[in-house]
C-alpha atoms as a PDB file:
ATOM      1  CA  MET A   1     -13.568  10.874 -26.206  1.00  0.00           C
ATOM      2  CA  THR A   2     -15.588  13.139 -28.459  1.00  0.00           C
ATOM      3  CA  ASP A   3     -13.830  15.539 -30.830  1.00  0.00           C
ATOM      4  CA  SER A   4     -15.143  18.560 -28.904  1.00  0.00           C
ATOM      5  CA  LEU A   5     -13.936  17.206 -25.561  1.00  0.00           C
ATOM      6  CA  SER A   6     -10.587  16.236 -27.074  1.00  0.00           C
ATOM      7  CA  GLN A   7     -10.196  19.809 -28.297  1.00  0.00           C
ATOM      8  CA  LEU A   8     -11.040  21.151 -24.846  1.00  0.00           C
ATOM      9  CA  THR A   9      -8.369  19.023 -23.173  1.00  0.00           C
ATOM     10  CA  VAL A  10      -5.587  20.490 -25.310  1.00  0.00           C
ATOM     11  CA  THR A  11      -6.672  24.085 -24.740  1.00  0.00           C
ATOM     12  CA  PRO A  12      -4.157  25.768 -22.419  1.00  0.00           C
ATOM     13  CA  ILE A  13      -5.366  27.121 -19.079  1.00  0.00           C
ATOM     14  CA  VAL A  14      -5.085  30.897 -19.058  1.00  0.00           C
ATOM     15  CA  GLU A  15      -3.240  32.311 -16.068  1.00  0.00           C
ATOM     16  CA  ARG A  16      -5.563  34.615 -14.148  1.00  0.00           C
ATOM     17  CA  PRO A  17      -4.870  37.113 -11.330  1.00  0.00           C
ATOM     18  CA  GLU A  18      -5.675  36.321  -7.745  1.00  0.00           C
ATOM     19  CA  PRO A  19      -8.959  37.783  -6.466  1.00  0.00           C
ATOM     20  CA  ASN A  20      -9.006  41.239  -4.980  1.00  0.00           C
ATOM     21  CA  TRP A  21     -10.872  40.232  -1.830  1.00  0.00           C
ATOM     22  CA  PRO A  22     -11.981  43.716  -0.698  1.00  0.00           C
ATOM     23  CA  VAL A  23     -13.474  44.346  -4.152  1.00  0.00           C
ATOM     24  CA  LEU A  24     -14.949  40.859  -4.366  1.00  0.00           C
ATOM     25  CA  SER A  25     -16.649  41.206  -0.974  1.00  0.00           C
ATOM     26  CA  ARG A  26     -18.610  44.202  -2.279  1.00  0.00           C
ATOM     27  CA  ILE A  27     -20.336  42.182  -5.007  1.00  0.00           C
ATOM     28  CA  PRO A  28     -24.042  42.125  -4.060  1.00  0.00           C
ATOM     29  CA  ILE A  29     -25.635  38.804  -3.172  1.00  0.00           C
ATOM     30  CA  GLN A  30     -29.089  38.087  -4.529  1.00  0.00           C
ATOM     31  CA  GLY A  31     -29.833  35.406  -1.949  1.00  0.00           C
ATOM     32  CA  SER A  32     -31.373  31.996  -2.546  1.00  0.00           C
ATOM     33  CA  ASP A  33     -33.326  29.444  -0.548  1.00  0.00           C
ATOM     34  CA  GLU A  34     -31.893  26.541  -2.565  1.00  0.00           C
ATOM     35  CA  PRO A  35     -31.272  23.696  -0.113  1.00  0.00           C
ATOM     36  CA  LEU A  36     -27.962  22.003   0.535  1.00  0.00           C
ATOM     37  CA  MET A  37     -27.946  18.564  -1.081  1.00  0.00           C
ATOM     38  CA  PRO A  38     -25.747  15.612  -0.013  1.00  0.00           C
ATOM     39  CA  LEU A  39     -23.580  14.495  -2.897  1.00  0.00           C
ATOM     40  CA  SER A  40     -23.549  10.917  -1.638  1.00  0.00           C
ATOM     41  CA  LEU A  41     -26.982  10.716  -3.325  1.00  0.00           C
ATOM     42  CA  ALA A  42     -25.398  11.317  -6.721  1.00  0.00           C
ATOM     43  CA  PRO A  43     -25.002   8.369  -9.113  1.00  0.00           C
ATOM     44  CA  ALA A  44     -21.721   7.241 -10.661  1.00  0.00           C
ATOM     45  CA  PRO A  45     -19.387   8.499 -11.973  1.00  0.00           C
ATOM     46  CA  ILE A  46     -19.447  10.913  -8.999  1.00  0.00           C
ATOM     47  CA  LYS A  47     -17.554   9.666  -5.962  1.00  0.00           C
ATOM     48  CA  VAL A  48     -17.622  11.384  -2.571  1.00  0.00           C
ATOM     49  CA  PHE A  49     -14.630  11.482  -0.241  1.00  0.00           C
ATOM     50  CA  PRO A  50     -15.176  14.097   2.502  1.00  0.00           C
ATOM     51  CA  VAL A  51     -11.493  14.595   3.102  1.00  0.00           C
ATOM     52  CA  TYR A  52     -11.654  16.760   6.236  1.00  0.00           C
ATOM     53  CA  ALA A  53     -13.900  14.318   8.080  1.00  0.00           C
ATOM     54  CA  LYS A  54     -11.604  11.468   7.028  1.00  0.00           C
ATOM     55  CA  GLN A  55      -8.680  13.423   8.472  1.00  0.00           C
ATOM     56  CA  GLY A  56     -10.563  14.073  11.708  1.00  0.00           C
ATOM     57  CA  LEU A  57     -10.626  17.878  11.526  1.00  0.00           C
ATOM     58  CA  PRO A  58     -12.658  19.448  14.351  1.00  0.00           C
ATOM     59  CA  GLY A  59     -16.216  20.196  13.242  1.00  0.00           C
ATOM     60  CA  ALA A  60     -15.946  18.466   9.851  1.00  0.00           C
ATOM     61  CA  VAL A  61     -19.015  16.596   8.571  1.00  0.00           C
ATOM     62  CA  ASN A  62     -18.809  13.155   6.991  1.00  0.00           C
ATOM     63  CA  GLU A  63     -20.578  14.272   3.792  1.00  0.00           C
ATOM     64  CA  CYS A  64     -20.116  16.753   0.959  1.00  0.00           C
ATOM     65  CA  TYR A  65     -23.048  19.156   0.646  1.00  0.00           C
ATOM     66  CA  VAL A  66     -23.626  21.711  -2.124  1.00  0.00           C
ATOM     67  CA  ARG A  67     -26.566  23.811  -3.275  1.00  0.00           C
ATOM     68  CA  GLU A  68     -29.044  21.988  -5.488  1.00  0.00           C
ATOM     69  CA  GLY A  69     -28.018  23.967  -8.567  1.00  0.00           C
ATOM     70  CA  VAL A  70     -24.366  23.093  -7.952  1.00  0.00           C
ATOM     71  CA  TYR A  71     -25.318  19.434  -7.472  1.00  0.00           C
ATOM     72  CA  ARG A  72     -26.907  19.349 -10.935  1.00  0.00           C
ATOM     73  CA  ARG A  73     -23.938  21.119 -12.543  1.00  0.00           C
ATOM     74  CA  LEU A  74     -21.589  18.543 -11.046  1.00  0.00           C
ATOM     75  CA  LEU A  75     -23.702  15.755 -12.548  1.00  0.00           C
ATOM     76  CA  ARG A  76     -23.310  17.433 -15.945  1.00  0.00           C
ATOM     77  CA  VAL A  77     -19.551  17.504 -15.434  1.00  0.00           C
ATOM     78  CA  ALA A  78     -19.331  13.846 -14.414  1.00  0.00           C
ATOM     79  CA  ARG A  79     -21.475  12.697 -17.333  1.00  0.00           C
ATOM     80  CA  SER A  80     -19.321  14.615 -19.821  1.00  0.00           C
ATOM     81  CA  LEU A  81     -16.102  12.848 -18.825  1.00  0.00           C
ATOM     82  CA  PRO A  82     -14.478  10.213 -21.024  1.00  0.00           C
ATOM     83  CA  GLU A  83     -15.688   6.670 -20.357  1.00  0.00           C
ATOM     84  CA  GLY A  84     -14.015   5.115 -17.331  1.00  0.00           C
ATOM     85  CA  MET A  85     -13.224   8.419 -15.637  1.00  0.00           C
ATOM     86  CA  GLY A  86     -14.949   9.772 -12.549  1.00  0.00           C
ATOM     87  CA  LEU A  87     -15.313  12.990 -10.569  1.00  0.00           C
ATOM     88  CA  ILE A  88     -14.233  12.878  -6.914  1.00  0.00           C
ATOM     89  CA  ILE A  89     -15.811  15.434  -4.570  1.00  0.00           C
ATOM     90  CA  LEU A  90     -13.453  16.289  -1.701  1.00  0.00           C
ATOM     91  CA  ASP A  91     -15.307  19.144  -0.022  1.00  0.00           C
ATOM     92  CA  GLY A  92     -18.304  21.377  -0.539  1.00  0.00           C
ATOM     93  CA  TRP A  93     -20.245  23.331   2.072  1.00  0.00           C
ATOM     94  CA  ARG A  94     -17.857  23.875   4.964  1.00  0.00           C
ATOM     95  CA  PRO A  95     -18.875  24.690   8.541  1.00  0.00           C
ATOM     96  CA  TRP A  96     -17.443  27.965   9.820  1.00  0.00           C
ATOM     97  CA  ARG A  97     -15.524  26.111  12.523  1.00  0.00           C
ATOM     98  CA  VAL A  98     -13.642  24.096   9.897  1.00  0.00           C
ATOM     99  CA  GLN A  99     -12.848  27.254   7.903  1.00  0.00           C
ATOM    100  CA  GLN A 100     -11.445  28.875  11.044  1.00  0.00           C
ATOM    101  CA  TYR A 101      -9.347  25.802  11.840  1.00  0.00           C
ATOM    102  CA  LEU A 102      -7.867  25.647   8.333  1.00  0.00           C
ATOM    103  CA  PHE A 103      -7.092  29.369   8.282  1.00  0.00           C
ATOM    104  CA  ASP A 104      -5.446  29.379  11.714  1.00  0.00           C
ATOM    105  CA  THR A 105      -3.451  26.212  11.031  1.00  0.00           C
ATOM    106  CA  LEU A 106      -2.075  27.429   7.698  1.00  0.00           C
ATOM    107  CA  GLN A 107      -1.317  30.882   9.055  1.00  0.00           C
ATOM    108  CA  GLU A 108       0.686  29.445  11.955  1.00  0.00           C
ATOM    109  CA  ALA A 109       2.595  27.130   9.606  1.00  0.00           C
ATOM    110  CA  ILE A 110       3.521  30.061   7.345  1.00  0.00           C
ATOM    111  CA  ARG A 111       4.488  32.197  10.349  1.00  0.00           C
ATOM    112  CA  ALA A 112       6.778  29.445  11.638  1.00  0.00           C
ATOM    113  CA  HIS A 113       8.549  29.122   8.276  1.00  0.00           C
ATOM    114  CA  HIS A 114       8.641  32.851   7.494  1.00  0.00           C
ATOM    115  CA  PRO A 115       8.969  34.835  10.746  1.00  0.00           C
ATOM    116  CA  GLU A 116      10.113  37.840   8.704  1.00  0.00           C
ATOM    117  CA  LEU A 117       6.631  38.416   7.249  1.00  0.00           C
ATOM    118  CA  ASP A 118       4.631  41.320   8.649  1.00  0.00           C
ATOM    119  CA  GLN A 119       0.916  40.884   9.384  1.00  0.00           C
ATOM    120  CA  GLU A 120      -0.224  42.146   5.979  1.00  0.00           C
ATOM    121  CA  ALA A 121       2.124  39.820   4.086  1.00  0.00           C
ATOM    122  CA  LEU A 122       1.198  36.915   6.345  1.00  0.00           C
ATOM    123  CA  LEU A 123      -2.499  37.475   5.641  1.00  0.00           C
ATOM    124  CA  ALA A 124      -1.854  37.638   1.887  1.00  0.00           C
ATOM    125  CA  ARG A 125       0.129  34.380   1.941  1.00  0.00           C
ATOM    126  CA  THR A 126      -2.565  32.636   3.986  1.00  0.00           C
ATOM    127  CA  ARG A 127      -5.387  33.928   1.776  1.00  0.00           C
ATOM    128  CA  GLU A 128      -3.628  32.448  -1.247  1.00  0.00           C
ATOM    129  CA  PHE A 129      -4.920  29.023  -0.184  1.00  0.00           C
ATOM    130  CA  VAL A 130      -7.521  29.583   2.575  1.00  0.00           C
ATOM    131  CA  SER A 131     -10.041  32.422   2.613  1.00  0.00           C
ATOM    132  CA  VAL A 132     -10.676  34.418   5.760  1.00  0.00           C
ATOM    133  CA  PRO A 133     -13.382  32.779   7.910  1.00  0.00           C
ATOM    134  CA  SER A 134     -16.523  34.884   7.592  1.00  0.00           C
ATOM    135  CA  ARG A 135     -20.212  34.374   8.314  1.00  0.00           C
ATOM    136  CA  GLU A 136     -21.088  37.915   7.240  1.00  0.00           C
ATOM    137  CA  PRO A 137     -24.259  37.916   5.097  1.00  0.00           C
ATOM    138  CA  ASP A 138     -22.693  40.251   2.534  1.00  0.00           C
ATOM    139  CA  ALA A 139     -19.204  38.660   2.438  1.00  0.00           C
ATOM    140  CA  PRO A 140     -19.246  34.994   3.482  1.00  0.00           C
ATOM    141  CA  SER A 141     -16.379  32.551   3.028  1.00  0.00           C
ATOM    142  CA  PRO A 142     -16.982  30.825  -0.343  1.00  0.00           C
ATOM    143  CA  HIS A 143     -17.321  27.321   1.095  1.00  0.00           C
ATOM    144  CA  LEU A 144     -19.885  28.533   3.637  1.00  0.00           C
ATOM    145  CA  THR A 145     -22.296  29.340   0.794  1.00  0.00           C
ATOM    146  CA  GLY A 146     -22.580  25.826  -0.642  1.00  0.00           C
ATOM    147  CA  GLY A 147     -21.435  27.236  -3.985  1.00  0.00           C
ATOM    148  CA  ALA A 148     -17.761  26.300  -3.680  1.00  0.00           C
ATOM    149  CA  VAL A 149     -16.561  22.758  -4.283  1.00  0.00           C
ATOM    150  CA  ASP A 150     -13.197  20.979  -4.256  1.00  0.00           C
ATOM    151  CA  VAL A 151     -12.861  18.260  -6.887  1.00  0.00           C
ATOM    152  CA  THR A 152     -10.462  16.001  -8.744  1.00  0.00           C
ATOM    153  CA  LEU A 153     -10.612  13.296 -11.406  1.00  0.00           C
ATOM    154  CA  SER A 154     -10.364   9.533 -10.982  1.00  0.00           C
ATOM    155  CA  ASP A 155      -9.402   6.654 -13.237  1.00  0.00           C
ATOM    156  CA  ALA A 156     -11.447   3.529 -13.989  1.00  0.00           C
ATOM    157  CA  ASP A 157     -10.342   1.998 -10.678  1.00  0.00           C
ATOM    158  CA  GLY A 158     -11.557   5.016  -8.691  1.00  0.00           C
ATOM    159  CA  LEU A 159      -8.052   6.282  -7.900  1.00  0.00           C
ATOM    160  CA  PRO A 160      -7.256  10.010  -8.227  1.00  0.00           C
ATOM    161  CA  LEU A 161      -5.389  11.096 -11.342  1.00  0.00           C
ATOM    162  CA  ASP A 162      -2.015  12.770 -10.911  1.00  0.00           C
ATOM    163  CA  MET A 163      -2.603  16.516 -10.683  1.00  0.00           C
ATOM    164  CA  GLY A 164       0.962  17.475  -9.813  1.00  0.00           C
ATOM    165  CA  THR A 165       0.280  18.260  -6.155  1.00  0.00           C
ATOM    166  CA  LEU A 166      -1.933  16.813  -3.491  1.00  0.00           C
ATOM    167  CA  PHE A 167      -5.189  18.498  -2.535  1.00  0.00           C
ATOM    168  CA  ASP A 168      -4.563  21.462  -0.218  1.00  0.00           C
ATOM    169  CA  GLU A 169      -0.805  21.648  -0.833  1.00  0.00           C
ATOM    170  CA  ALA A 170       0.079  25.297  -0.193  1.00  0.00           C
ATOM    171  CA  VAL A 171       2.817  25.512  -2.841  1.00  0.00           C
ATOM    172  CA  PRO A 172       3.190  27.408  -6.136  1.00  0.00           C
ATOM    173  CA  ALA A 173       2.680  24.188  -8.126  1.00  0.00           C
ATOM    174  CA  SER A 174      -0.923  24.083  -6.842  1.00  0.00           C
ATOM    175  CA  HIS A 175      -1.758  27.136  -8.949  1.00  0.00           C
ATOM    176  CA  THR A 176      -4.051  25.911 -11.703  1.00  0.00           C
ATOM    177  CA  ALA A 177      -1.951  27.214 -14.607  1.00  0.00           C
ATOM    178  CA  TYR A 178       1.441  26.340 -13.082  1.00  0.00           C
ATOM    179  CA  PHE A 179       2.320  23.625 -15.614  1.00  0.00           C
ATOM    180  CA  GLU A 180       1.331  25.930 -18.469  1.00  0.00           C
ATOM    181  CA  THR A 181       4.265  28.171 -17.510  1.00  0.00           C
ATOM    182  CA  LEU A 182       6.964  25.472 -17.681  1.00  0.00           C
ATOM    183  CA  GLU A 183       9.125  24.717 -20.703  1.00  0.00           C
ATOM    184  CA  ASP A 184      10.510  21.303 -21.714  1.00  0.00           C
ATOM    185  CA  LEU A 185       7.995  19.322 -19.684  1.00  0.00           C
ATOM    186  CA  THR A 186       8.683  15.698 -18.836  1.00  0.00           C
ATOM    187  CA  GLU A 187       6.169  13.066 -19.898  1.00  0.00           C
ATOM    188  CA  THR A 188       4.765  13.019 -16.352  1.00  0.00           C
ATOM    189  CA  GLN A 189       4.434  16.803 -16.288  1.00  0.00           C
ATOM    190  CA  ARG A 190       2.658  16.792 -19.648  1.00  0.00           C
ATOM    191  CA  GLN A 191       0.167  14.252 -18.311  1.00  0.00           C
ATOM    192  CA  VAL A 192      -0.399  16.375 -15.202  1.00  0.00           C
ATOM    193  CA  ARG A 193      -0.930  19.452 -17.383  1.00  0.00           C
ATOM    194  CA  ASP A 194      -3.443  17.574 -19.536  1.00  0.00           C
ATOM    195  CA  ASN A 195      -5.275  16.226 -16.473  1.00  0.00           C
ATOM    196  CA  ARG A 196      -5.656  19.769 -15.169  1.00  0.00           C
ATOM    197  CA  ARG A 197      -6.776  20.983 -18.587  1.00  0.00           C
ATOM    198  CA  LEU A 198      -9.456  18.317 -18.738  1.00  0.00           C
ATOM    199  CA  LEU A 199     -10.803  19.119 -15.272  1.00  0.00           C
ATOM    200  CA  TYR A 200     -10.695  22.846 -15.952  1.00  0.00           C
ATOM    201  CA  SER A 201     -12.436  22.478 -19.308  1.00  0.00           C
ATOM    202  CA  VAL A 202     -15.324  20.271 -18.183  1.00  0.00           C
ATOM    203  CA  MET A 203     -15.940  22.389 -15.092  1.00  0.00           C
ATOM    204  CA  ARG A 204     -15.925  25.595 -17.132  1.00  0.00           C
ATOM    205  CA  GLU A 205     -18.266  24.057 -19.712  1.00  0.00           C
ATOM    206  CA  ALA A 206     -20.747  23.380 -16.897  1.00  0.00           C
ATOM    207  CA  GLY A 207     -20.616  27.006 -15.717  1.00  0.00           C
ATOM    208  CA  PHE A 208     -18.066  26.835 -12.907  1.00  0.00           C
ATOM    209  CA  THR A 209     -15.194  29.260 -12.389  1.00  0.00           C
ATOM    210  CA  ASN A 210     -11.833  28.368 -10.885  1.00  0.00           C
ATOM    211  CA  LEU A 211      -9.797  29.938  -8.097  1.00  0.00           C
ATOM    212  CA  PRO A 212      -6.393  30.479  -9.801  1.00  0.00           C
ATOM    213  CA  SER A 213      -4.280  29.432  -6.805  1.00  0.00           C
ATOM    214  CA  GLU A 214      -6.012  26.041  -6.392  1.00  0.00           C
ATOM    215  CA  TRP A 215      -6.437  23.565  -9.256  1.00  0.00           C
ATOM    216  CA  TRP A 216      -9.116  21.744  -7.204  1.00  0.00           C
ATOM    217  CA  HIS A 217     -11.345  24.710  -6.231  1.00  0.00           C
ATOM    218  CA  TYR A 218     -14.360  25.664  -8.357  1.00  0.00           C
ATOM    219  CA  ASP A 219     -17.296  27.988  -7.743  1.00  0.00           C
ATOM    220  CA  SER A 220     -20.877  28.393  -8.880  1.00  0.00           C
ATOM    221  CA  GLY A 221     -23.190  31.109  -7.603  1.00  0.00           C
ATOM    222  CA  ASP A 222     -20.938  32.612  -4.914  1.00  0.00           C
ATOM    223  CA  GLN A 223     -18.990  35.882  -5.027  1.00  0.00           C
ATOM    224  CA  LEU A 224     -15.890  34.239  -6.516  1.00  0.00           C
ATOM    225  CA  TRP A 225     -18.064  32.924  -9.341  1.00  0.00           C
ATOM    226  CA  ALA A 226     -19.578  36.376  -9.865  1.00  0.00           C
ATOM    227  CA  HIS A 227     -16.108  37.936  -9.921  1.00  0.00           C
ATOM    228  CA  TYR A 228     -14.459  35.560 -12.392  1.00  0.00           C
ATOM    229  CA  GLY A 229     -17.617  35.002 -14.423  1.00  0.00           C
ATOM    230  CA  GLN A 230     -18.255  38.759 -14.666  1.00  0.00           C
ATOM    231  CA  HIS A 231     -21.742  38.538 -13.216  1.00  0.00           C
ATOM    232  CA  GLU A 232     -23.310  41.598 -11.625  1.00  0.00           C
ATOM    233  CA  ARG A 233     -24.316  39.731  -8.489  1.00  0.00           C
ATOM    234  CA  ALA A 234     -23.806  36.466  -6.666  1.00  0.00           C
ATOM    235  CA  ILE A 235     -26.660  34.053  -6.002  1.00  0.00           C
ATOM    236  CA  TYR A 236     -25.676  32.309  -2.782  1.00  0.00           C
ATOM    237  CA  GLY A 237     -25.096  33.819   0.624  1.00  0.00           C
ATOM    238  CA  PRO A 238     -24.207  31.898   3.808  1.00  0.00           C
ATOM    239  CA  ALA A 239     -25.961  28.546   4.210  1.00  0.00           C
ATOM    240  CA  GLU A 240     -26.674  26.416   7.242  1.00  0.00           C
ATOM    241  CA  LEU A 241     -27.152  22.686   7.296  1.00  0.00           C
ATOM    242  CA  GLU A 242     -30.735  21.606   7.932  1.00  0.00           C
ATOM    243  CA  THR A 243     -31.014  19.553  11.130  1.00  0.00           C
ATOM    244  CA  VAL A 244     -33.899  18.191  13.142  1.00  0.00           C
ATOM    245  CA  GLU A 245     -33.187  20.808  15.791  1.00  0.00           C
ATOM    246  CA  SER A 246     -33.135  23.728  13.330  1.00  0.00           C
ATOM    247  CA  ARG A 247     -36.322  22.483  11.667  1.00  0.00           C
ATOM    248  CA  TRP A 248     -38.160  22.198  14.990  1.00  0.00           C
ATOM    249  CA  ARG A 249     -36.983  25.644  16.081  1.00  0.00           C
ATOM    250  CA  ARG A 250     -38.251  27.144  12.823  1.00  0.00           C
ATOM    251  CA  GLN A 251     -41.579  25.322  12.895  1.00  0.00           C
ATOM    252  CA  LEU A 252     -42.382  25.769  16.566  1.00  0.00           C
END
């Protein structure tokens, strides 16, 4: 590990506030015709595991797609990792149907466990881990743009490193800076904290921003990225997967 990377891994993750979604949705979108690229084309040490397709979620695609610019940033991240480590891509561009399924499923689970919550509180709790499904050109769900990506790190055998929670666990410990707030950490907790610091640091170095409630979620070019990166405008609006049918319809 280089001295600069070693220094990055010991830098604490700063706790950041959750996004103000009404404000965030007003950030203008420049728009881009960058294509969606399949990450299965990427060389090692990137590994692709389209988790929602593996789990059989309705409408999920058996690939992880991102915008071309995001694809190249992820390659920079993977190539900056210590020798023997890899970057696992769990999800990228997400069809609207999958976003709707995830939102509805989490909302119903929260409602069942907390029947006392009113509609506003229920929405806030759901939005903590799944954004509202939206295909609106000026306020799309982050994953619908191809600019949002869910990632983790792997060891030399290709197995995921311990990040303290599983991907998509809707618990406080999934907040990126959670282990920075604990005192008297165990050896395991210190390793988890350092694993998160490494992922956070290499992703930030490549120009990504992180969603504070999810250690696995990073953005480039979408409205979340513009918000946390203090950019005046986003680059990516909603994207659709290129198919033979869509190409023929456009050409003919």
